[in-house]
Amino acid sequence: MTIQGPTPERRQQQNKLKYTASAVAFLIGFAVLLILMLPSPWAFAAGIVVGGAAGGGTYGMLYGRELSLQRKTEELTNQKESLRSRLSDIKSTVHDKAHQFPPSSHGQLRMTVVGLEEIVERWDTLDRVPEQQDAVFHTISRHLPRTLHLFLGLPDSAKPKHAEEFKAQINLVAQAVAKTRDQVVKNDLQALKTNRALLEEALTDPDERLFTDEDL
């Protein structure tokens, strides 16, 4: 399922549903009051008033729900665009600075970015698992960029010393992303709810975990 606004056909169906439901509510309200108040001369007028209120209320409820769904769709779309932009920056860093990263980490870095891209393309699926959505958001917006920045900030002479440490951290992130990506693709919400791997990595502060002897 992709995030997009309603098609013209879908919008026409929504309008038809609103009008039909409102008409049904009007008829029910009108009929009930008419039956209850007959043979009062006010029965017909009361039926129209109550039926109109029921029909208007039904239309307003359905219209409000439609607006809420539209706002949610716009919000998810904006989130996707923001995350795509951040991932593009990460991909550029991984590509342009490849010579500064340990060669043994290149494959994991590429896999991580590709996995995150696939997850973001299914962002509406994660909307039903808020914890995992937050984990992906924090991974893309802070954890992974900060991890890369910390390693790049090391003096060139110190990079070989910390290569294994960096590779181990990237490996943890890559494994967590791959696991989450597989569950998202399968739409396995139950597995996503119990998957803590990416959440734990995303909430770990790289500043406290990596290269502390270099004061970064």
N, C-alpha and C. Protein backbone atom coordinates (compact mmCIF):
# COMPACT_ATOMS: atom_id res chain seq x y z
N MET A 1 0.84 -1.19 0.00
CA MET A 1 0.00 0.00 0.00
C MET A 1 0.88 1.24 0.00
N THR A 2 0.54 2.17 -0.84
CA THR A 2 1.31 3.40 -0.92
C THR A 2 0.53 4.55 -0.35
N ILE A 3 1.26 5.60 0.05
CA ILE A 3 0.63 6.78 0.61
C ILE A 3 0.29 7.72 -0.52
N GLN A 4 -1.00 7.98 -0.73
CA GLN A 4 -1.39 8.90 -1.78
C GLN A 4 -2.79 9.39 -1.48
N GLY A 5 -3.15 10.51 -2.08
CA GLY A 5 -4.49 11.03 -1.90
C GLY A 5 -5.49 10.21 -2.68
N PRO A 6 -6.79 10.41 -2.40
CA PRO A 6 -7.82 9.64 -3.10
C PRO A 6 -7.86 9.96 -4.58
N THR A 7 -8.08 8.95 -5.40
CA THR A 7 -8.25 9.15 -6.84
C THR A 7 -9.61 9.80 -7.08
N PRO A 8 -9.83 10.37 -8.29
CA PRO A 8 -11.16 10.94 -8.59
C PRO A 8 -12.28 9.93 -8.39
N GLU A 9 -12.04 8.67 -8.78
CA GLU A 9 -13.07 7.64 -8.61
C GLU A 9 -13.34 7.39 -7.13
N ARG A 10 -12.24 7.35 -6.34
CA ARG A 10 -12.40 7.13 -4.91
C ARG A 10 -13.11 8.30 -4.25
N ARG A 11 -12.79 9.51 -4.66
CA ARG A 11 -13.45 10.69 -4.10
C ARG A 11 -14.94 10.68 -4.44
N GLN A 12 -15.26 10.26 -5.67
CA GLN A 12 -16.67 10.17 -6.07
C GLN A 12 -17.41 9.15 -5.21
N GLN A 13 -16.76 8.03 -4.93
CA GLN A 13 -17.36 7.01 -4.07
C GLN A 13 -17.58 7.55 -2.66
N GLN A 14 -16.59 8.31 -2.15
CA GLN A 14 -16.72 8.87 -0.81
C GLN A 14 -17.90 9.85 -0.74
N ASN A 15 -18.04 10.70 -1.76
CA ASN A 15 -19.15 11.65 -1.78
C ASN A 15 -20.49 10.92 -1.85
N LYS A 16 -20.55 9.88 -2.69
CA LYS A 16 -21.78 9.10 -2.81
C LYS A 16 -22.14 8.46 -1.48
N LEU A 17 -21.12 7.95 -0.76
CA LEU A 17 -21.36 7.33 0.54
C LEU A 17 -21.91 8.34 1.53
N LYS A 18 -21.32 9.55 1.54
CA LYS A 18 -21.79 10.58 2.48
C LYS A 18 -23.25 10.93 2.21
N TYR A 19 -23.59 11.15 0.94
CA TYR A 19 -24.96 11.53 0.59
C TYR A 19 -25.95 10.39 0.89
N THR A 20 -25.55 9.16 0.56
CA THR A 20 -26.44 8.03 0.79
C THR A 20 -26.68 7.81 2.28
N ALA A 21 -25.60 7.84 3.07
CA ALA A 21 -25.73 7.64 4.51
C ALA A 21 -26.56 8.75 5.14
N SER A 22 -26.37 9.98 4.68
CA SER A 22 -27.14 11.11 5.21
C SER A 22 -28.62 10.96 4.87
N ALA A 23 -28.91 10.52 3.65
CA ALA A 23 -30.30 10.32 3.24
C ALA A 23 -30.96 9.23 4.05
N VAL A 24 -30.24 8.14 4.29
CA VAL A 24 -30.78 7.04 5.09
C VAL A 24 -31.06 7.51 6.52
N ALA A 25 -30.11 8.27 7.09
CA ALA A 25 -30.31 8.78 8.45
C ALA A 25 -31.52 9.70 8.51
N PHE A 26 -31.69 10.54 7.48
CA PHE A 26 -32.85 11.44 7.43
C PHE A 26 -34.15 10.64 7.41
N LEU A 27 -34.22 9.64 6.55
CA LEU A 27 -35.44 8.85 6.41
C LEU A 27 -35.77 8.10 7.70
N ILE A 28 -34.73 7.56 8.35
CA ILE A 28 -34.97 6.84 9.61
C ILE A 28 -35.50 7.79 10.68
N GLY A 29 -34.81 8.95 10.82
CA GLY A 29 -35.26 9.93 11.82
C GLY A 29 -36.67 10.42 11.53
N PHE A 30 -36.94 10.71 10.27
CA PHE A 30 -38.27 11.19 9.87
C PHE A 30 -39.34 10.14 10.17
N ALA A 31 -39.07 8.88 9.79
CA ALA A 31 -40.06 7.82 9.97
C ALA A 31 -40.34 7.55 11.44
N VAL A 32 -39.29 7.53 12.26
CA VAL A 32 -39.47 7.25 13.69
C VAL A 32 -40.35 8.32 14.34
N LEU A 33 -40.04 9.59 14.08
CA LEU A 33 -40.84 10.67 14.68
C LEU A 33 -42.26 10.67 14.14
N LEU A 34 -42.40 10.39 12.87
CA LEU A 34 -43.74 10.37 12.27
C LEU A 34 -44.60 9.30 12.93
N ILE A 35 -44.02 8.11 13.12
CA ILE A 35 -44.76 7.01 13.73
C ILE A 35 -45.10 7.32 15.19
N LEU A 36 -44.12 7.89 15.92
CA LEU A 36 -44.33 8.17 17.34
C LEU A 36 -45.38 9.25 17.57
N MET A 37 -45.45 10.25 16.68
CA MET A 37 -46.29 11.42 16.94
C MET A 37 -47.66 11.38 16.25
N LEU A 38 -47.82 10.49 15.27
CA LEU A 38 -49.14 10.41 14.63
C LEU A 38 -50.21 10.06 15.67
N PRO A 39 -51.39 10.65 15.60
CA PRO A 39 -51.92 11.49 14.52
C PRO A 39 -51.76 12.98 14.78
N SER A 40 -50.73 13.37 15.56
CA SER A 40 -50.52 14.79 15.83
C SER A 40 -50.27 15.55 14.53
N PRO A 41 -50.83 16.75 14.39
CA PRO A 41 -50.59 17.55 13.17
C PRO A 41 -49.15 18.01 13.05
N TRP A 42 -48.40 17.92 14.16
CA TRP A 42 -46.99 18.33 14.13
C TRP A 42 -46.05 17.17 13.78
N ALA A 43 -46.59 16.00 13.56
CA ALA A 43 -45.74 14.82 13.32
C ALA A 43 -44.86 14.99 12.09
N PHE A 44 -45.45 15.49 11.01
CA PHE A 44 -44.69 15.64 9.77
C PHE A 44 -43.54 16.65 9.94
N ALA A 45 -43.85 17.79 10.57
CA ALA A 45 -42.83 18.82 10.77
C ALA A 45 -41.72 18.32 11.69
N ALA A 46 -42.12 17.63 12.78
CA ALA A 46 -41.13 17.11 13.72
C ALA A 46 -40.24 16.07 13.05
N GLY A 47 -40.86 15.25 12.20
CA GLY A 47 -40.08 14.24 11.48
C GLY A 47 -39.04 14.87 10.58
N ILE A 48 -39.43 15.95 9.90
CA ILE A 48 -38.47 16.65 9.03
C ILE A 48 -37.32 17.23 9.84
N VAL A 49 -37.64 17.85 10.99
CA VAL A 49 -36.60 18.46 11.82
C VAL A 49 -35.62 17.40 12.33
N VAL A 50 -36.16 16.34 12.91
CA VAL A 50 -35.30 15.29 13.47
C VAL A 50 -34.55 14.56 12.36
N GLY A 51 -35.23 14.27 11.27
CA GLY A 51 -34.55 13.62 10.15
C GLY A 51 -33.44 14.47 9.58
N GLY A 52 -33.72 15.79 9.47
CA GLY A 52 -32.68 16.70 8.97
C GLY A 52 -31.47 16.74 9.89
N ALA A 53 -31.74 16.74 11.21
CA ALA A 53 -30.63 16.75 12.17
C ALA A 53 -29.82 15.47 12.08
N ALA A 54 -30.52 14.34 11.93
CA ALA A 54 -29.81 13.05 11.82
C ALA A 54 -28.99 12.99 10.54
N GLY A 55 -29.59 13.45 9.44
CA GLY A 55 -28.86 13.44 8.17
C GLY A 55 -27.67 14.37 8.19
N GLY A 56 -27.86 15.58 8.73
CA GLY A 56 -26.75 16.53 8.82
C GLY A 56 -25.64 16.03 9.72
N GLY A 57 -26.03 15.42 10.84
CA GLY A 57 -25.01 14.88 11.76
C GLY A 57 -24.21 13.77 11.13
N THR A 58 -24.91 12.91 10.38
CA THR A 58 -24.22 11.80 9.70
C THR A 58 -23.24 12.33 8.66
N TYR A 59 -23.69 13.31 7.88
CA TYR A 59 -22.81 13.89 6.86
C TYR A 59 -21.59 14.53 7.51
N GLY A 60 -21.83 15.30 8.60
CA GLY A 60 -20.71 15.96 9.28
C GLY A 60 -19.71 14.97 9.85
N MET A 61 -20.22 13.86 10.41
CA MET A 61 -19.33 12.84 10.96
C MET A 61 -18.46 12.22 9.87
N LEU A 62 -19.09 11.86 8.75
CA LEU A 62 -18.33 11.25 7.66
C LEU A 62 -17.35 12.23 7.03
N TYR A 63 -17.77 13.49 6.91
CA TYR A 63 -16.88 14.50 6.34
C TYR A 63 -15.68 14.75 7.26
N GLY A 64 -15.93 14.79 8.57
CA GLY A 64 -14.84 14.97 9.52
C GLY A 64 -13.85 13.82 9.47
N ARG A 65 -14.39 12.60 9.33
CA ARG A 65 -13.51 11.44 9.22
C ARG A 65 -12.66 11.52 7.96
N GLU A 66 -13.28 11.95 6.87
CA GLU A 66 -12.56 12.09 5.60
C GLU A 66 -11.43 13.11 5.71
N LEU A 67 -11.72 14.25 6.36
CA LEU A 67 -10.68 15.27 6.56
C LEU A 67 -9.55 14.74 7.41
N SER A 68 -9.90 13.98 8.46
CA SER A 68 -8.87 13.41 9.33
C SER A 68 -7.95 12.47 8.56
N LEU A 69 -8.55 11.64 7.69
CA LEU A 69 -7.74 10.72 6.88
C LEU A 69 -6.85 11.48 5.90
N GLN A 70 -7.37 12.56 5.34
CA GLN A 70 -6.57 13.37 4.41
C GLN A 70 -5.39 14.00 5.12
N ARG A 71 -5.64 14.52 6.33
CA ARG A 71 -4.54 15.13 7.10
C ARG A 71 -3.48 14.08 7.44
N LYS A 72 -3.94 12.88 7.80
CA LYS A 72 -3.00 11.81 8.13
C LYS A 72 -2.18 11.43 6.91
N THR A 73 -2.83 11.35 5.76
CA THR A 73 -2.11 11.02 4.53
C THR A 73 -1.05 12.08 4.22
N GLU A 74 -1.41 13.36 4.38
CA GLU A 74 -0.46 14.44 4.13
C GLU A 74 0.71 14.38 5.11
N GLU A 75 0.40 14.06 6.37
CA GLU A 75 1.46 13.97 7.38
C GLU A 75 2.43 12.85 7.05
N LEU A 76 1.90 11.68 6.69
CA LEU A 76 2.76 10.55 6.34
C LEU A 76 3.59 10.85 5.09
N THR A 77 2.98 11.51 4.13
CA THR A 77 3.70 11.88 2.90
C THR A 77 4.85 12.82 3.21
N ASN A 78 4.60 13.81 4.06
CA ASN A 78 5.65 14.76 4.45
C ASN A 78 6.78 14.06 5.19
N GLN A 79 6.41 13.12 6.07
CA GLN A 79 7.44 12.36 6.80
C GLN A 79 8.30 11.56 5.83
N LYS A 80 7.65 10.92 4.87
CA LYS A 80 8.40 10.14 3.88
C LYS A 80 9.38 11.01 3.11
N GLU A 81 8.92 12.17 2.67
CA GLU A 81 9.79 13.06 1.90
C GLU A 81 10.98 13.51 2.73
N SER A 82 10.73 13.82 4.00
CA SER A 82 11.81 14.25 4.89
C SER A 82 12.84 13.13 5.08
N LEU A 83 12.35 11.91 5.30
CA LEU A 83 13.25 10.78 5.51
C LEU A 83 14.01 10.43 4.23
N ARG A 84 13.35 10.53 3.09
CA ARG A 84 14.04 10.30 1.82
C ARG A 84 15.20 11.28 1.65
N SER A 85 14.96 12.54 2.01
CA SER A 85 16.00 13.56 1.89
C SER A 85 17.17 13.24 2.81
N ARG A 86 16.86 12.83 4.04
CA ARG A 86 17.93 12.48 4.99
C ARG A 86 18.71 11.26 4.51
N LEU A 87 17.99 10.28 3.97
CA LEU A 87 18.66 9.09 3.46
C LEU A 87 19.53 9.42 2.26
N SER A 88 19.09 10.36 1.45
CA SER A 88 19.91 10.80 0.32
C SER A 88 21.22 11.40 0.80
N ASP A 89 21.15 12.17 1.89
CA ASP A 89 22.37 12.74 2.47
C ASP A 89 23.29 11.65 3.00
N ILE A 90 22.70 10.66 3.67
CA ILE A 90 23.50 9.56 4.21
C ILE A 90 24.16 8.79 3.06
N LYS A 91 23.38 8.52 2.01
CA LYS A 91 23.93 7.79 0.86
C LYS A 91 25.08 8.55 0.23
N SER A 92 24.94 9.87 0.14
CA SER A 92 26.02 10.69 -0.42
C SER A 92 27.27 10.62 0.44
N THR A 93 27.07 10.65 1.77
CA THR A 93 28.22 10.55 2.68
C THR A 93 28.92 9.22 2.52
N VAL A 94 28.12 8.13 2.48
CA VAL A 94 28.70 6.79 2.34
C VAL A 94 29.46 6.67 1.02
N HIS A 95 28.93 7.27 -0.04
CA HIS A 95 29.57 7.18 -1.36
C HIS A 95 30.80 8.09 -1.45
N ASP A 96 30.62 9.35 -1.05
CA ASP A 96 31.70 10.33 -1.23
C ASP A 96 32.86 10.12 -0.27
N LYS A 97 32.57 9.58 0.90
CA LYS A 97 33.61 9.38 1.91
C LYS A 97 34.02 7.92 2.04
N ALA A 98 33.69 7.13 1.03
CA ALA A 98 33.95 5.68 1.11
C ALA A 98 35.40 5.38 1.42
N HIS A 99 36.31 6.19 0.89
CA HIS A 99 37.74 5.93 1.10
C HIS A 99 38.16 6.13 2.55
N GLN A 100 37.32 6.81 3.35
CA GLN A 100 37.66 7.03 4.75
C GLN A 100 37.08 5.96 5.68
N PHE A 101 36.12 5.20 5.16
CA PHE A 101 35.53 4.14 5.97
C PHE A 101 36.29 2.84 5.75
N PRO A 102 36.31 1.95 6.75
CA PRO A 102 36.98 0.66 6.57
C PRO A 102 36.36 -0.09 5.39
N PRO A 103 37.16 -0.61 4.47
CA PRO A 103 36.61 -1.34 3.32
C PRO A 103 35.65 -2.45 3.72
N SER A 104 35.93 -3.08 4.85
CA SER A 104 35.07 -4.19 5.29
C SER A 104 33.68 -3.73 5.72
N SER A 105 33.49 -2.42 5.87
CA SER A 105 32.18 -1.91 6.29
C SER A 105 31.34 -1.42 5.12
N HIS A 106 31.93 -1.35 3.93
CA HIS A 106 31.22 -0.77 2.78
C HIS A 106 29.92 -1.52 2.45
N GLY A 107 30.01 -2.84 2.42
CA GLY A 107 28.83 -3.64 2.09
C GLY A 107 27.71 -3.45 3.10
N GLN A 108 28.07 -3.44 4.38
CA GLN A 108 27.06 -3.27 5.43
C GLN A 108 26.43 -1.89 5.36
N LEU A 109 27.23 -0.88 5.07
CA LEU A 109 26.69 0.47 4.95
C LEU A 109 25.69 0.56 3.80
N ARG A 110 26.04 -0.01 2.66
CA ARG A 110 25.13 0.02 1.52
C ARG A 110 23.84 -0.75 1.82
N MET A 111 23.98 -1.92 2.44
CA MET A 111 22.80 -2.72 2.80
C MET A 111 21.90 -1.96 3.77
N THR A 112 22.52 -1.26 4.70
CA THR A 112 21.74 -0.50 5.69
C THR A 112 20.92 0.59 5.01
N VAL A 113 21.56 1.33 4.11
CA VAL A 113 20.86 2.41 3.42
C VAL A 113 19.73 1.86 2.55
N VAL A 114 20.00 0.80 1.80
CA VAL A 114 18.98 0.20 0.94
C VAL A 114 17.81 -0.32 1.78
N GLY A 115 18.13 -0.98 2.90
CA GLY A 115 17.08 -1.48 3.78
C GLY A 115 16.21 -0.38 4.33
N LEU A 116 16.84 0.72 4.74
CA LEU A 116 16.08 1.86 5.26
C LEU A 116 15.21 2.48 4.17
N GLU A 117 15.74 2.54 2.95
CA GLU A 117 14.94 3.09 1.84
C GLU A 117 13.68 2.25 1.60
N GLU A 118 13.83 0.93 1.66
CA GLU A 118 12.67 0.05 1.45
C GLU A 118 11.67 0.21 2.59
N ILE A 119 12.16 0.40 3.80
CA ILE A 119 11.26 0.60 4.95
C ILE A 119 10.48 1.89 4.78
N VAL A 120 11.17 2.95 4.39
CA VAL A 120 10.52 4.26 4.24
C VAL A 120 9.45 4.21 3.16
N GLU A 121 9.69 3.43 2.10
CA GLU A 121 8.68 3.31 1.04
C GLU A 121 7.40 2.65 1.54
N ARG A 122 7.49 1.96 2.67
CA ARG A 122 6.30 1.32 3.27
C ARG A 122 5.97 1.99 4.61
N TRP A 123 6.16 3.29 4.66
CA TRP A 123 6.04 4.05 5.91
C TRP A 123 4.65 3.92 6.53
N ASP A 124 3.61 3.79 5.70
CA ASP A 124 2.26 3.69 6.23
C ASP A 124 2.05 2.38 6.99
N THR A 125 2.79 1.33 6.64
CA THR A 125 2.72 0.08 7.40
C THR A 125 3.24 0.29 8.81
N LEU A 126 4.36 0.99 8.93
CA LEU A 126 4.94 1.25 10.24
C LEU A 126 4.09 2.19 11.07
N ASP A 127 3.19 2.93 10.43
CA ASP A 127 2.33 3.84 11.19
C ASP A 127 1.46 3.07 12.18
N ARG A 128 1.28 1.78 11.93
CA ARG A 128 0.49 0.95 12.84
C ARG A 128 1.36 0.34 13.94
N VAL A 129 2.66 0.60 13.89
CA VAL A 129 3.58 0.12 14.93
C VAL A 129 4.44 1.32 15.34
N PRO A 130 3.89 2.24 16.14
CA PRO A 130 4.56 3.53 16.42
C PRO A 130 5.98 3.40 16.97
N GLU A 131 6.22 2.39 17.82
CA GLU A 131 7.56 2.24 18.40
C GLU A 131 8.59 1.99 17.30
N GLN A 132 8.25 1.13 16.36
CA GLN A 132 9.19 0.83 15.28
C GLN A 132 9.33 2.02 14.34
N GLN A 133 8.26 2.75 14.15
CA GLN A 133 8.33 3.95 13.32
C GLN A 133 9.30 4.96 13.94
N ASP A 134 9.20 5.11 15.26
CA ASP A 134 10.13 6.00 15.97
C ASP A 134 11.57 5.51 15.84
N ALA A 135 11.74 4.18 15.93
CA ALA A 135 13.09 3.62 15.83
C ALA A 135 13.71 3.91 14.47
N VAL A 136 12.93 3.74 13.41
CA VAL A 136 13.44 4.03 12.06
C VAL A 136 13.73 5.51 11.92
N PHE A 137 12.83 6.35 12.43
CA PHE A 137 13.02 7.80 12.35
C PHE A 137 14.32 8.22 13.04
N HIS A 138 14.55 7.72 14.26
CA HIS A 138 15.75 8.09 15.01
C HIS A 138 17.02 7.52 14.36
N THR A 139 16.90 6.33 13.77
CA THR A 139 18.05 5.75 13.08
C THR A 139 18.48 6.63 11.91
N ILE A 140 17.50 7.09 11.13
CA ILE A 140 17.80 7.90 9.94
C ILE A 140 18.17 9.32 10.30
N SER A 141 17.48 9.90 11.26
CA SER A 141 17.67 11.33 11.55
C SER A 141 18.85 11.60 12.47
N ARG A 142 19.23 10.62 13.31
CA ARG A 142 20.33 10.91 14.23
C ARG A 142 21.35 9.78 14.35
N HIS A 143 20.91 8.58 14.68
CA HIS A 143 21.86 7.55 15.09
C HIS A 143 22.89 7.23 14.00
N LEU A 144 22.40 6.90 12.80
CA LEU A 144 23.33 6.53 11.73
C LEU A 144 24.18 7.71 11.27
N PRO A 145 23.60 8.90 11.03
CA PRO A 145 24.44 10.04 10.63
C PRO A 145 25.48 10.38 11.69
N ARG A 146 25.09 10.30 12.96
CA ARG A 146 26.03 10.64 14.03
C ARG A 146 27.16 9.62 14.12
N THR A 147 26.82 8.35 13.92
CA THR A 147 27.85 7.30 13.94
C THR A 147 28.87 7.53 12.83
N LEU A 148 28.38 7.85 11.64
CA LEU A 148 29.29 8.13 10.52
C LEU A 148 30.13 9.37 10.80
N HIS A 149 29.49 10.40 11.34
CA HIS A 149 30.19 11.65 11.62
C HIS A 149 31.30 11.45 12.65
N LEU A 150 31.01 10.64 13.67
CA LEU A 150 32.02 10.41 14.70
C LEU A 150 33.25 9.73 14.12
N PHE A 151 33.03 8.73 13.26
CA PHE A 151 34.20 8.05 12.68
C PHE A 151 34.96 8.98 11.74
N LEU A 152 34.22 9.72 10.92
CA LEU A 152 34.88 10.65 10.01
C LEU A 152 35.63 11.73 10.76
N GLY A 153 35.20 12.04 11.97
CA GLY A 153 35.85 13.08 12.77
C GLY A 153 37.13 12.62 13.43
N LEU A 154 37.40 11.31 13.40
CA LEU A 154 38.65 10.81 13.97
C LEU A 154 39.84 11.29 13.14
N PRO A 155 40.97 11.54 13.78
CA PRO A 155 42.19 11.79 13.01
C PRO A 155 42.48 10.59 12.11
N ASP A 156 43.03 10.84 10.94
CA ASP A 156 43.31 9.73 10.02
C ASP A 156 44.18 8.67 10.67
N SER A 157 45.07 9.10 11.54
CA SER A 157 45.96 8.15 12.20
C SER A 157 45.22 7.24 13.18
N ALA A 158 44.04 7.70 13.65
CA ALA A 158 43.29 6.92 14.63
C ALA A 158 42.24 6.02 13.99
N LYS A 159 41.93 6.26 12.74
CA LYS A 159 40.87 5.48 12.09
C LYS A 159 41.17 3.98 12.05
N PRO A 160 42.38 3.54 11.69
CA PRO A 160 42.65 2.09 11.69
C PRO A 160 42.43 1.45 13.06
N LYS A 161 42.79 2.18 14.11
CA LYS A 161 42.64 1.66 15.47
C LYS A 161 41.17 1.40 15.80
N HIS A 162 40.30 2.25 15.30
CA HIS A 162 38.88 2.15 15.65
C HIS A 162 38.04 1.51 14.55
N ALA A 163 38.69 0.97 13.53
CA ALA A 163 37.95 0.39 12.40
C ALA A 163 37.04 -0.76 12.83
N GLU A 164 37.56 -1.65 13.68
CA GLU A 164 36.76 -2.79 14.12
C GLU A 164 35.58 -2.34 14.97
N GLU A 165 35.82 -1.35 15.80
CA GLU A 165 34.75 -0.81 16.64
C GLU A 165 33.64 -0.23 15.78
N PHE A 166 34.04 0.52 14.77
CA PHE A 166 33.07 1.12 13.85
C PHE A 166 32.32 0.03 13.08
N LYS A 167 33.07 -0.93 12.56
CA LYS A 167 32.45 -2.00 11.79
C LYS A 167 31.44 -2.78 12.64
N ALA A 168 31.78 -3.04 13.89
CA ALA A 168 30.88 -3.77 14.78
C ALA A 168 29.58 -3.00 15.00
N GLN A 169 29.70 -1.69 15.17
CA GLN A 169 28.51 -0.87 15.38
C GLN A 169 27.64 -0.85 14.12
N ILE A 170 28.26 -0.67 12.97
CA ILE A 170 27.51 -0.66 11.71
C ILE A 170 26.86 -2.02 11.47
N ASN A 171 27.54 -3.08 11.85
CA ASN A 171 26.99 -4.42 11.69
C ASN A 171 25.73 -4.61 12.52
N LEU A 172 25.74 -4.08 13.75
CA LEU A 172 24.55 -4.17 14.61
C LEU A 172 23.37 -3.43 13.98
N VAL A 173 23.65 -2.24 13.48
CA VAL A 173 22.59 -1.45 12.84
C VAL A 173 22.08 -2.16 11.59
N ALA A 174 23.01 -2.69 10.78
CA ALA A 174 22.63 -3.37 9.54
C ALA A 174 21.74 -4.58 9.81
N GLN A 175 22.10 -5.36 10.83
CA GLN A 175 21.29 -6.53 11.18
C GLN A 175 19.90 -6.12 11.65
N ALA A 176 19.85 -5.08 12.48
CA ALA A 176 18.56 -4.61 12.99
C ALA A 176 17.69 -4.07 11.86
N VAL A 177 18.29 -3.34 10.94
CA VAL A 177 17.55 -2.80 9.79
C VAL A 177 17.05 -3.93 8.91
N ALA A 178 17.90 -4.92 8.64
CA ALA A 178 17.50 -6.05 7.78
C ALA A 178 16.33 -6.81 8.38
N LYS A 179 16.37 -7.03 9.68
CA LYS A 179 15.29 -7.74 10.36
C LYS A 179 13.98 -6.95 10.27
N THR A 180 14.09 -5.66 10.53
CA THR A 180 12.90 -4.80 10.47
C THR A 180 12.37 -4.72 9.05
N ARG A 181 13.27 -4.59 8.09
CA ARG A 181 12.86 -4.50 6.68
C ARG A 181 12.10 -5.75 6.26
N ASP A 182 12.60 -6.94 6.62
CA ASP A 182 11.92 -8.19 6.26
C ASP A 182 10.51 -8.24 6.84
N GLN A 183 10.37 -7.81 8.09
CA GLN A 183 9.06 -7.85 8.74
C GLN A 183 8.11 -6.82 8.14
N VAL A 184 8.64 -5.67 7.74
CA VAL A 184 7.80 -4.65 7.11
C VAL A 184 7.31 -5.14 5.75
N VAL A 185 8.21 -5.73 4.96
CA VAL A 185 7.84 -6.23 3.63
C VAL A 185 6.76 -7.31 3.75
N LYS A 186 6.89 -8.16 4.77
CA LYS A 186 5.90 -9.22 4.99
C LYS A 186 4.64 -8.70 5.68
N ASN A 187 4.67 -7.43 6.08
CA ASN A 187 3.54 -6.83 6.81
C ASN A 187 3.24 -7.62 8.08
N ASP A 188 4.30 -8.10 8.73
CA ASP A 188 4.17 -8.91 9.95
C ASP A 188 4.15 -7.97 11.15
N LEU A 189 2.97 -7.44 11.47
CA LEU A 189 2.87 -6.44 12.53
C LEU A 189 3.17 -7.05 13.90
N GLN A 190 2.78 -8.31 14.10
CA GLN A 190 3.02 -8.93 15.40
C GLN A 190 4.52 -9.07 15.66
N ALA A 191 5.26 -9.49 14.64
CA ALA A 191 6.71 -9.62 14.79
C ALA A 191 7.35 -8.25 15.01
N LEU A 192 6.84 -7.23 14.33
CA LEU A 192 7.38 -5.88 14.49
C LEU A 192 7.18 -5.37 15.91
N LYS A 193 6.05 -5.73 16.51
CA LYS A 193 5.76 -5.25 17.86
C LYS A 193 6.74 -5.82 18.88
N THR A 194 7.27 -7.01 18.61
CA THR A 194 8.20 -7.64 19.56
C THR A 194 9.66 -7.48 19.15
N ASN A 195 9.90 -6.86 18.01
CA ASN A 195 11.26 -6.66 17.52
C ASN A 195 11.86 -5.43 18.19
N ARG A 196 12.80 -5.66 19.09
CA ARG A 196 13.40 -4.55 19.84
C ARG A 196 14.77 -4.16 19.30
N ALA A 197 15.27 -4.90 18.32
CA ALA A 197 16.66 -4.72 17.88
C ALA A 197 16.94 -3.30 17.40
N LEU A 198 16.15 -2.82 16.45
CA LEU A 198 16.42 -1.50 15.88
C LEU A 198 16.11 -0.41 16.89
N LEU A 199 15.06 -0.62 17.69
CA LEU A 199 14.69 0.38 18.69
C LEU A 199 15.84 0.58 19.69
N GLU A 200 16.44 -0.53 20.14
CA GLU A 200 17.53 -0.43 21.11
C GLU A 200 18.75 0.25 20.49
N GLU A 201 19.04 -0.06 19.24
CA GLU A 201 20.18 0.59 18.58
C GLU A 201 19.91 2.07 18.35
N ALA A 202 18.69 2.39 17.92
CA ALA A 202 18.36 3.77 17.59
C ALA A 202 18.42 4.68 18.80
N LEU A 203 18.09 4.13 19.97
CA LEU A 203 18.06 4.95 21.18
C LEU A 203 19.39 4.97 21.91
N THR A 204 20.37 4.24 21.38
CA THR A 204 21.72 4.28 21.97
C THR A 204 22.44 5.53 21.47
N ASP A 205 23.02 6.26 22.37
CA ASP A 205 23.71 7.50 22.00
C ASP A 205 25.13 7.18 21.52
N PRO A 206 25.42 7.37 20.24
CA PRO A 206 26.77 7.09 19.74
C PRO A 206 27.84 7.91 20.44
N ASP A 207 27.48 9.10 20.90
CA ASP A 207 28.47 9.96 21.57
C ASP A 207 28.99 9.32 22.85
N GLU A 208 28.16 8.50 23.49
CA GLU A 208 28.57 7.86 24.74
C GLU A 208 29.18 6.49 24.50
N ARG A 209 29.01 5.97 23.30
CA ARG A 209 29.38 4.58 23.04
C ARG A 209 30.66 4.42 22.22
N LEU A 210 30.93 5.38 21.33
CA LEU A 210 32.00 5.18 20.37
C LEU A 210 33.16 6.14 20.58
N PHE A 211 34.36 5.63 20.42
CA PHE A 211 35.59 6.43 20.30
C PHE A 211 35.77 7.42 21.46
N THR A 212 35.40 7.00 22.67
CA THR A 212 35.48 7.92 23.81
C THR A 212 36.91 8.31 24.14
N ASP A 213 37.86 7.44 23.79
CA ASP A 213 39.25 7.78 24.09
C ASP A 213 39.79 8.86 23.16
N GLU A 214 39.01 9.21 22.13
CA GLU A 214 39.43 10.29 21.23
C GLU A 214 38.71 11.59 21.56
N ASP A 215 37.88 11.56 22.63
CA ASP A 215 37.15 12.76 23.08
C ASP A 215 36.24 13.33 21.99
N LEU A 216 35.61 12.45 21.23
CA LEU A 216 34.70 12.92 20.18
C LEU A 216 33.26 12.90 20.70
